[in-house]
Structures are given as structure tokens and as C-alpha cells.
Amino acid sequence: MDSEFAGALLYSAFIVTFLMAGSICLHRYHEITKHAPRAHILCLALACYVAALYWVEVLLIMMNIDWAVHCYPLFIWLGLVCVVLLYHFVYLVTGTGERLHFPMLHYLIPSGLALLFVWWDAFIPFAERYRIITSFNRIDADQPLWETVYQLMPVSYSIYIIIYGVMAYRRVWFYRIAVDNYSADEERTSMYWIYYFIAVVTGCFPKPLITVMAVNLGIPLWVQCTMVWFPFALTYLIYNAIKGNYILVQPAEELNDRTSRLVDRKRFEHYMATKKPYLNSDLCITDLLADLCTNRTYLSSFINREYGVNFKTLINEFRLRELERLRLGSNGKNHSNMQLIMAAGFGSYRNYLAASRRKYRKGVLRYVLR
């Protein structure tokens, strides 16, 4: 009894956390202007509300196993839709500039699976479904098909979530490659926080379905408590999403061939030396296109080919050289190290630290700028 009470208290805290997180995201969604990208925040808010309903189901099942018999398809649907909404968030945040719409098939598949389970339940008497669920790990020789289908449901559910986790990792991987040629912000392009959250979702979401359905078998409290880190991971995700700790890559706008010009090394370095665009901490490659009269694809290829590095690495090398110049200047001693770092265009100490570590770790920029 004490174990069930502790588990109910734990899951109630999860529900409150999800509801609060969803409200925060919804508030942030309304704060963003309609013309700015904000669909990813709405996806996150909806995922929080669906997750709250998911854990309400978990709590009801712990209180009365009959809920599992009546609402098993709904339980599965809520879990799958929540994962799809989180993937939708990752999909929007990690866009690489292409004008693609999120395929609605991702939402149709969970609904189709839930309807399939509803149809299957219609052929199984309530008493039989109750017996199958309460004897989760035992197959009756008289009804092996019914038992097997019910045991395959959580297995298929877990595989489905793992597949989405792999898809999300793959998308973030390609995003990081693309964003390094788009923005020079070290901190906002690292995406370490989203890697962590994907790992938590992939590891935690299958667990309640597998364990709670066997609550009458005496699941230890420590097994249930292993999921306590999920609300903290969600809080971490919400914080980074609202803070804007990412770069939304905008679609490339190619210039007309008659107005575009080729860029050579001499012209590019003269522009960087005179205009010093790298002093802008929010600099993106698109900010250089108008002055250089070129397009993003050509400029990115030029930097990769001429200097052998991506846009982010090159811009941060200019900033490191500017910082060195400021430190050696006559006014260098009159300013703090943080003031000089900000004046060099890094925007934050973490950006400077990441750029300097990258330089000295790889050693690729020693002879880049001659």
C-alpha cells in the first residue's frame, strides 16, 4: 500500500509538472509575433498537455486496474502522439532551410494503431481482457493468440518510440552540419540539450507501459522512481526552447544571376578587415550576402573550399584575432577580460571558450588566415 501511495504521489507530481510546462510554453507562444516562427513552441505545449493526460492514465491504472482494460488503446495513443509532437518540435527546430511541411502521416499512424486495438478489443470479452492484463507475463494455452497480441502491443510501442528517437538524432546530426555553415554562434548551435532530452524520452516513455500494466505483480518502488528524472529533463528542454538556445535556419534567397558577383579571397578578406561583420554576435552568413553581392550556397562553398573550414569556425577565428589585438592595444589594460571578449563579437564567455577550445583542440586554423 505504501508503495502504491508513493507511486501515485510521484506520478501526480509528473502531471502537475507537465501542466505547468504546457502553460509556460503556451504563454510564450502568444508572446511571439505571428510573423515570427513559433509553431515549434506550440508543438511543445501540446506535447506537455498530452503527456499530462498520459500520466493521468498511468495514475488511474495504478488506482484501479479496470482502467487499463477500458482505456488500453487510449493509453497507447496518448504515448505515441506525445512522442510524435516532440519529434515535430525537433523537426521544426532543426530545419536546414528547406521549405518542407511536416508529414501528417506521423499523426495518422498512432491513430490508426489505436483504432486497430479498439477493433481488436471488440472481439475479446472484458473478463478475458482483464485476465490477460493482470497475468501480463503468462500465456494461456487455450487462448494463445489473444495473449500474444496483448504482449506484442508494448513491444511494438517501445520499438516505435526508439525509431523516433533515432530519427530525431539523425535530424539533429544533419542540422548541426548545416548550421555550422550558417551561424557563428558556438553555444546556440551545439544542441547538446536536445541530445540529452531525446535520450531521456527514448529511455523513459516505454517504461510506464511495460511496468504499470504489471502493477499487481509487485513492481518495486525503485523501478518506478527511475522515471523521476523525466520531469527534470522536460524542464531542461522548456528552458532551452523558451530561451531560444538554437538557430532557426531561414530558407535561402538566391540573388539574380545578373546582380550576383563572384567572391575571391582578396575581396573577401578586404571586406572582413574593413567592415568587421564578425563583431556582430548574432552574425549569420545571410548577413554578408548583400554586401558581397552573392548567394548563400556560393559563399558557403567558397569558405569551405578556400579556407578548408566552415563559416562558424572561420568567423570565430576572426573574433579570436580581434580579441588578441584588443588585448595588446593601448586600452586593453583598462578593460576587463569579459569586456574585451564581448567587444570582439563573441556575445558570451561560453561562446569564446568553445571557440578557443575548438581552435587549440583541432589546430586547423594555424595557417588558415595568412
Protein backbone atom coordinates (compact mmCIF):
# COMPACT_ATOMS: atom_id res chain seq x y z
CA MET A 1 0.00 0.00 0.00
CA ASP A 2 2.83 2.38 0.89
CA SER A 3 4.48 1.60 -2.43
CA GLU A 4 1.30 2.38 -4.35
CA PHE A 5 0.84 5.65 -2.45
CA ALA A 6 4.43 6.72 -3.16
CA GLY A 7 3.99 5.84 -6.83
CA ALA A 8 0.72 7.79 -7.01
CA LEU A 9 2.40 10.79 -5.38
CA LEU A 10 5.28 10.58 -7.85
CA TYR A 11 3.01 10.42 -10.89
CA SER A 12 0.84 13.26 -9.55
CA ALA A 13 3.97 15.41 -9.42
CA PHE A 14 4.65 14.46 -13.05
CA ILE A 15 1.15 15.58 -14.06
CA VAL A 16 1.50 18.95 -12.32
CA THR A 17 4.91 19.46 -13.91
CA PHE A 18 3.59 18.77 -17.40
CA LEU A 19 0.59 21.07 -16.96
CA MET A 20 2.79 23.92 -15.73
CA ALA A 21 5.28 23.38 -18.54
CA GLY A 22 2.49 23.38 -21.13
CA SER A 23 1.09 26.64 -19.74
CA ILE A 24 4.53 28.28 -19.86
CA CYS A 25 5.01 27.21 -23.47
CA LEU A 26 1.55 28.41 -24.45
CA HIS A 27 2.24 31.79 -22.84
CA ARG A 28 5.50 32.04 -24.75
CA TYR A 29 3.70 31.07 -27.98
CA HIS A 30 1.30 34.02 -27.62
CA GLU A 31 4.18 36.38 -26.83
CA ILE A 32 5.87 35.67 -30.18
CA THR A 33 4.52 37.73 -33.07
CA LYS A 34 2.50 35.92 -35.71
CA HIS A 35 5.05 36.67 -38.41
CA ALA A 36 7.91 35.03 -36.46
CA PRO A 37 8.42 31.24 -36.38
CA ARG A 38 6.54 29.89 -33.38
CA ALA A 39 4.92 26.60 -34.42
CA HIS A 40 7.66 24.65 -32.62
CA ILE A 41 6.64 26.24 -29.30
CA LEU A 42 3.01 25.23 -29.89
CA CYS A 43 4.12 21.64 -30.57
CA LEU A 44 5.99 21.63 -27.28
CA ALA A 45 2.97 22.98 -25.38
CA LEU A 46 0.67 20.34 -26.90
CA ALA A 47 3.23 17.62 -26.11
CA CYS A 48 3.20 18.71 -22.45
CA TYR A 49 -0.60 18.57 -22.24
CA VAL A 50 -0.75 15.18 -23.94
CA ALA A 51 1.97 13.91 -21.60
CA ALA A 52 -0.11 15.11 -18.64
CA LEU A 53 -3.08 13.06 -19.90
CA TYR A 54 -0.75 10.11 -20.44
CA TRP A 55 0.37 10.19 -16.82
CA VAL A 56 -3.23 10.66 -15.65
CA GLU A 57 -3.90 7.32 -17.34
CA VAL A 58 -0.90 5.83 -15.52
CA LEU A 59 -2.22 7.13 -12.20
CA LEU A 60 -5.74 5.81 -12.84
CA ILE A 61 -4.36 2.41 -13.75
CA MET A 62 -2.39 2.30 -10.51
CA MET A 63 -5.57 3.12 -8.57
CA ASN A 64 -7.79 0.69 -10.45
CA ILE A 65 -6.59 -1.88 -12.97
CA ASP A 66 -10.03 -1.79 -14.65
CA TRP A 67 -8.91 1.47 -16.28
CA ALA A 68 -6.23 -0.45 -18.14
CA VAL A 69 -8.86 -2.80 -19.52
CA HIS A 70 -11.17 0.00 -20.66
CA CYS A 71 -8.61 2.56 -21.86
CA TYR A 72 -5.71 0.48 -23.15
CA PRO A 73 -5.96 1.84 -26.77
CA LEU A 74 -6.23 5.42 -25.45
CA PHE A 75 -3.17 4.82 -23.28
CA ILE A 76 -1.13 3.72 -26.29
CA TRP A 77 -2.44 6.57 -28.47
CA LEU A 78 -1.51 9.25 -25.93
CA GLY A 79 2.02 7.92 -25.59
CA LEU A 80 2.59 7.72 -29.33
CA VAL A 81 1.08 11.14 -30.09
CA CYS A 82 3.22 12.74 -27.39
CA VAL A 83 6.37 11.29 -28.95
CA VAL A 84 5.25 12.48 -32.41
CA LEU A 85 4.66 16.00 -31.06
CA LEU A 86 8.13 16.05 -29.53
CA TYR A 87 9.59 14.86 -32.83
CA HIS A 88 7.58 17.57 -34.59
CA PHE A 89 9.26 20.11 -32.30
CA VAL A 90 12.70 18.70 -33.16
CA TYR A 91 11.75 18.67 -36.86
CA LEU A 92 10.88 22.38 -36.85
CA VAL A 93 13.85 23.49 -34.76
CA THR A 94 16.37 21.54 -36.83
CA GLY A 95 15.22 22.67 -40.26
CA THR A 96 18.12 23.36 -42.62
CA GLY A 97 16.41 25.97 -44.77
CA GLU A 98 14.27 23.71 -46.91
CA ARG A 99 10.59 24.60 -47.30
CA LEU A 100 9.08 21.30 -46.17
CA HIS A 101 5.86 20.61 -44.31
CA PHE A 102 5.69 18.07 -41.51
CA PRO A 103 4.06 14.91 -42.94
CA MET A 104 0.67 14.32 -41.33
CA LEU A 105 1.28 10.59 -41.70
CA HIS A 106 3.20 10.80 -38.42
CA TYR A 107 -0.07 11.63 -36.65
CA LEU A 108 -2.21 9.22 -38.66
CA ILE A 109 -0.15 6.16 -37.76
CA PRO A 110 -0.77 6.38 -33.97
CA SER A 111 -4.48 6.98 -34.59
CA GLY A 112 -4.60 4.00 -36.94
CA LEU A 113 -2.88 1.78 -34.38
CA ALA A 114 -5.26 2.91 -31.64
CA LEU A 115 -8.30 2.19 -33.84
CA LEU A 116 -6.83 -1.22 -34.66
CA PHE A 117 -6.56 -2.00 -30.95
CA VAL A 118 -10.14 -0.79 -30.38
CA TRP A 119 -11.33 -3.09 -33.15
CA TRP A 120 -9.37 -5.98 -31.65
CA ASP A 121 -10.77 -5.33 -28.15
CA ALA A 122 -14.31 -5.54 -29.53
CA PHE A 123 -13.80 -9.28 -30.13
CA ILE A 124 -12.43 -10.00 -26.65
CA PRO A 125 -14.76 -10.16 -23.63
CA PHE A 126 -13.99 -7.80 -20.76
CA ALA A 127 -13.27 -10.66 -18.35
CA GLU A 128 -10.75 -12.12 -20.79
CA ARG A 129 -9.00 -8.79 -21.30
CA TYR A 130 -8.84 -8.33 -17.53
CA ARG A 131 -7.27 -11.76 -17.10
CA ILE A 132 -4.70 -11.09 -19.85
CA ILE A 133 -3.60 -7.77 -18.34
CA THR A 134 -3.43 -8.97 -14.74
CA SER A 135 -1.43 -12.05 -15.79
CA PHE A 136 0.82 -9.99 -18.06
CA ASN A 137 3.74 -12.40 -18.26
CA ARG A 138 1.81 -15.66 -18.56
CA ILE A 139 0.28 -17.05 -21.75
CA ASP A 140 -2.79 -19.24 -21.55
CA ALA A 141 -2.52 -22.26 -23.82
CA ASP A 142 -6.27 -22.07 -24.54
CA GLN A 143 -6.10 -18.50 -25.96
CA PRO A 144 -2.52 -18.00 -27.21
CA LEU A 145 -3.48 -15.51 -29.96
CA TRP A 146 -5.16 -13.02 -27.64
CA GLU A 147 -2.30 -13.24 -25.15
CA THR A 148 0.36 -12.83 -27.84
CA VAL A 149 -1.29 -9.75 -29.37
CA TYR A 150 -1.51 -8.03 -25.98
CA GLN A 151 2.13 -8.78 -25.25
CA LEU A 152 3.20 -7.53 -28.67
CA MET A 153 1.49 -4.17 -28.09
CA PRO A 154 4.01 -2.78 -25.55
CA VAL A 155 6.89 -4.27 -27.52
CA SER A 156 5.73 -2.58 -30.73
CA TYR A 157 5.11 0.61 -28.75
CA SER A 158 8.68 0.61 -27.43
CA ILE A 159 10.16 -0.08 -30.87
CA TYR A 160 8.08 2.77 -32.32
CA ILE A 161 9.49 5.21 -29.76
CA ILE A 162 13.07 4.03 -30.33
CA ILE A 163 12.64 4.56 -34.08
CA TYR A 164 11.53 8.15 -33.46
CA GLY A 165 14.49 8.66 -31.18
CA VAL A 166 16.84 7.51 -33.94
CA MET A 167 15.06 9.75 -36.46
CA ALA A 168 15.42 12.73 -34.14
CA TYR A 169 19.14 12.05 -33.57
CA ARG A 170 19.67 11.78 -37.31
CA ARG A 171 17.89 15.06 -37.96
CA VAL A 172 19.89 16.91 -35.30
CA TRP A 173 23.11 15.46 -36.73
CA PHE A 174 22.43 16.86 -40.21
CA TYR A 175 21.20 20.13 -38.72
CA ARG A 176 24.48 20.66 -36.90
CA ILE A 177 26.41 20.17 -40.13
CA ALA A 178 24.22 22.71 -41.94
CA VAL A 179 24.07 25.28 -39.14
CA ASP A 180 27.87 25.43 -38.85
CA ASN A 181 27.81 26.95 -42.35
CA TYR A 182 25.01 29.34 -41.39
CA SER A 183 25.71 30.83 -37.94
CA ALA A 184 28.88 31.60 -35.96
CA ASP A 185 27.20 31.15 -32.55
CA GLU A 186 29.00 28.30 -30.77
CA GLU A 187 26.57 27.99 -27.87
CA ARG A 188 23.28 28.06 -29.77
CA THR A 189 24.46 25.63 -32.47
CA SER A 190 25.79 22.93 -30.13
CA MET A 191 22.32 21.40 -29.45
CA TYR A 192 23.72 19.36 -26.56
CA TRP A 193 20.50 19.90 -24.62
CA ILE A 194 18.30 18.34 -27.28
CA TYR A 195 20.56 15.28 -27.49
CA TYR A 196 20.06 14.77 -23.76
CA PHE A 197 16.30 15.14 -23.98
CA ILE A 198 15.98 12.68 -26.87
CA ALA A 199 17.88 10.12 -24.82
CA VAL A 200 15.58 10.64 -21.83
CA VAL A 201 12.38 10.37 -23.91
CA THR A 202 13.60 7.25 -25.69
CA GLY A 203 14.52 5.66 -22.37
CA CYS A 204 11.56 6.71 -20.23
CA PHE A 205 8.43 6.57 -22.35
CA PRO A 206 8.34 2.77 -22.90
CA LYS A 207 8.87 2.09 -19.20
CA PRO A 208 5.46 3.02 -17.71
CA LEU A 209 3.57 0.95 -20.26
CA ILE A 210 5.64 -2.14 -19.51
CA THR A 211 5.76 -1.78 -15.72
CA VAL A 212 2.43 -0.21 -14.73
CA MET A 213 0.43 -2.84 -16.57
CA ALA A 214 2.01 -5.36 -14.21
CA VAL A 215 1.33 -3.33 -11.05
CA ASN A 216 -0.41 -6.29 -9.40
CA LEU A 217 2.77 -8.34 -9.80
CA GLY A 218 4.57 -6.19 -7.21
CA ILE A 219 6.76 -3.76 -9.14
CA PRO A 220 9.44 -2.41 -6.74
CA LEU A 221 9.29 1.28 -5.89
CA TRP A 222 12.86 1.89 -7.10
CA VAL A 223 11.82 0.83 -10.62
CA GLN A 224 9.09 3.46 -10.63
CA CYS A 225 11.46 6.08 -9.17
CA THR A 226 13.90 5.67 -12.07
CA MET A 227 11.47 7.80 -14.09
CA VAL A 228 11.78 10.76 -11.72
CA TRP A 229 14.42 12.33 -13.97
CA PHE A 230 11.94 12.77 -16.83
CA PRO A 231 10.25 15.95 -15.44
CA PHE A 232 13.69 17.46 -14.89
CA ALA A 233 14.64 16.67 -18.48
CA LEU A 234 11.40 18.25 -19.67
CA THR A 235 12.10 21.36 -17.59
CA TYR A 236 15.55 21.50 -19.17
CA LEU A 237 14.01 21.29 -22.65
CA ILE A 238 11.43 24.00 -21.89
CA TYR A 239 14.14 26.29 -20.55
CA ASN A 240 16.28 25.97 -23.67
CA ALA A 241 13.29 26.25 -26.01
CA ILE A 242 12.00 29.44 -24.40
CA LYS A 243 15.49 30.89 -24.07
CA GLY A 244 15.96 30.31 -27.81
CA ASN A 245 19.10 28.23 -27.38
CA TYR A 246 19.06 27.22 -31.05
CA ILE A 247 19.29 28.78 -34.51
CA LEU A 248 16.33 28.62 -36.88
CA VAL A 249 17.89 28.37 -40.33
CA GLN A 250 15.92 30.53 -42.74
CA PRO A 251 15.31 29.44 -46.36
CA ALA A 252 18.00 30.66 -48.74
CA GLU A 253 17.03 33.53 -51.04
CA GLU A 254 19.17 33.32 -54.15
CA LEU A 255 20.15 36.53 -55.90
CA ASN A 256 19.53 37.13 -59.55
CA ASP A 257 22.41 35.95 -61.74
CA ARG A 258 22.77 39.46 -63.21
CA THR A 259 23.33 41.03 -59.78
CA SER A 260 25.45 38.30 -58.16
CA ARG A 261 29.23 38.52 -58.25
CA LEU A 262 31.99 36.01 -57.71
CA VAL A 263 33.91 36.29 -54.45
CA ASP A 264 37.68 35.85 -54.31
CA ARG A 265 39.93 35.65 -51.28
CA LYS A 266 41.35 39.16 -51.63
CA ARG A 267 37.93 40.79 -51.90
CA PHE A 268 36.50 38.70 -49.05
CA GLU A 269 39.34 39.46 -46.63
CA HIS A 270 39.29 43.15 -47.53
CA TYR A 271 35.58 43.21 -46.71
CA MET A 272 36.15 41.41 -43.38
CA ALA A 273 39.00 43.78 -42.46
CA THR A 274 37.13 46.99 -43.27
CA LYS A 275 33.53 46.17 -42.32
CA LYS A 276 34.32 43.71 -39.49
CA PRO A 277 30.91 41.98 -39.58
CA TYR A 278 32.16 39.37 -37.09
CA LEU A 279 31.76 41.95 -34.30
CA ASN A 280 28.03 41.22 -34.53
CA SER A 281 27.48 38.38 -32.03
CA ASP A 282 24.34 37.24 -33.90
CA LEU A 283 26.06 37.13 -37.28
CA CYS A 284 24.69 34.69 -39.86
CA ILE A 285 26.02 34.01 -43.32
CA THR A 286 22.94 35.67 -44.81
CA ASP A 287 24.07 39.00 -43.30
CA LEU A 288 27.03 39.05 -45.70
CA LEU A 289 25.17 38.35 -48.92
CA ALA A 290 24.00 41.86 -49.77
CA ASP A 291 27.41 43.48 -49.28
CA LEU A 292 29.23 40.75 -51.19
CA CYS A 293 26.51 40.53 -53.88
CA THR A 294 26.41 36.75 -53.81
CA ASN A 295 24.19 33.93 -52.56
CA ARG A 296 24.41 31.65 -49.56
CA THR A 297 25.25 28.49 -51.44
CA TYR A 298 28.17 30.07 -53.29
CA LEU A 299 29.56 31.89 -50.23
CA SER A 300 29.41 28.77 -48.08
CA SER A 301 31.16 26.72 -50.78
CA PHE A 302 33.77 29.44 -51.22
CA ILE A 303 34.64 29.42 -47.50
CA ASN A 304 34.79 25.63 -47.38
CA ARG A 305 36.98 25.46 -50.47
CA GLU A 306 39.26 28.45 -49.86
CA TYR A 307 39.83 28.11 -46.11
CA GLY A 308 39.05 24.44 -45.53
CA VAL A 309 36.67 25.20 -42.63
CA ASN A 310 33.01 26.03 -42.15
CA PHE A 311 31.53 29.51 -41.69
CA LYS A 312 31.33 29.29 -37.89
CA THR A 313 34.94 28.26 -37.47
CA LEU A 314 36.20 30.98 -39.79
CA ILE A 315 34.20 33.79 -38.16
CA ASN A 316 35.33 32.75 -34.70
CA GLU A 317 38.93 32.78 -35.90
CA PHE A 318 38.44 36.42 -36.92
CA ARG A 319 37.00 37.09 -33.45
CA LEU A 320 39.92 35.40 -31.70
CA ARG A 321 42.35 37.53 -33.69
CA GLU A 322 40.34 40.65 -32.87
CA LEU A 323 40.43 39.72 -29.18
CA GLU A 324 44.19 39.30 -29.33
CA ARG A 325 44.52 42.70 -30.99
CA LEU A 326 42.35 44.33 -28.32
CA ARG A 327 44.36 42.76 -25.50
CA LEU A 328 47.63 44.02 -26.95
CA GLY A 329 46.22 47.50 -27.66
CA SER A 330 46.84 50.58 -25.58
CA ASN A 331 43.39 50.39 -23.97
CA GLY A 332 43.50 46.65 -23.33
CA LYS A 333 44.57 47.03 -19.71
CA ASN A 334 41.71 49.44 -18.99
CA HIS A 335 39.04 46.83 -19.71
CA SER A 336 38.21 43.51 -18.11
CA ASN A 337 38.68 40.25 -19.97
CA MET A 338 34.89 39.85 -20.28
CA GLN A 339 34.53 43.31 -21.80
CA LEU A 340 37.18 42.50 -24.40
CA ILE A 341 35.50 39.19 -25.22
CA MET A 342 32.18 40.96 -25.79
CA ALA A 343 33.87 43.68 -27.86
CA ALA A 344 35.43 41.01 -30.10
CA GLY A 345 31.94 39.80 -31.06
CA PHE A 346 31.59 36.58 -29.06
CA GLY A 347 28.44 37.61 -27.24
CA SER A 348 29.15 35.41 -24.20
CA TYR A 349 32.05 33.81 -22.38
CA ARG A 350 30.78 30.33 -23.30
CA ASN A 351 30.98 31.20 -26.99
CA TYR A 352 34.56 32.39 -26.54
CA LEU A 353 35.52 29.32 -24.53
CA ALA A 354 34.02 26.94 -27.10
CA ALA A 355 35.74 28.75 -29.99
CA SER A 356 39.15 28.77 -28.29
CA ARG A 357 38.87 25.10 -27.34
CA ARG A 358 37.92 24.19 -30.89
CA LYS A 359 40.93 26.07 -32.25
CA TYR A 360 43.53 24.56 -29.97
CA ARG A 361 41.99 21.08 -30.00
CA LYS A 362 41.91 20.67 -33.75
CA GLY A 363 44.73 23.00 -34.72
CA VAL A 364 43.14 23.56 -38.13
CA LEU A 365 43.35 27.33 -38.19
CA ARG A 366 47.06 27.86 -37.71
CA TYR A 367 47.63 28.68 -41.34
CA VAL A 368 44.08 29.47 -42.45
CA LEU A 369 44.47 33.25 -42.44
CA ARG A 370 47.79 34.29 -43.90
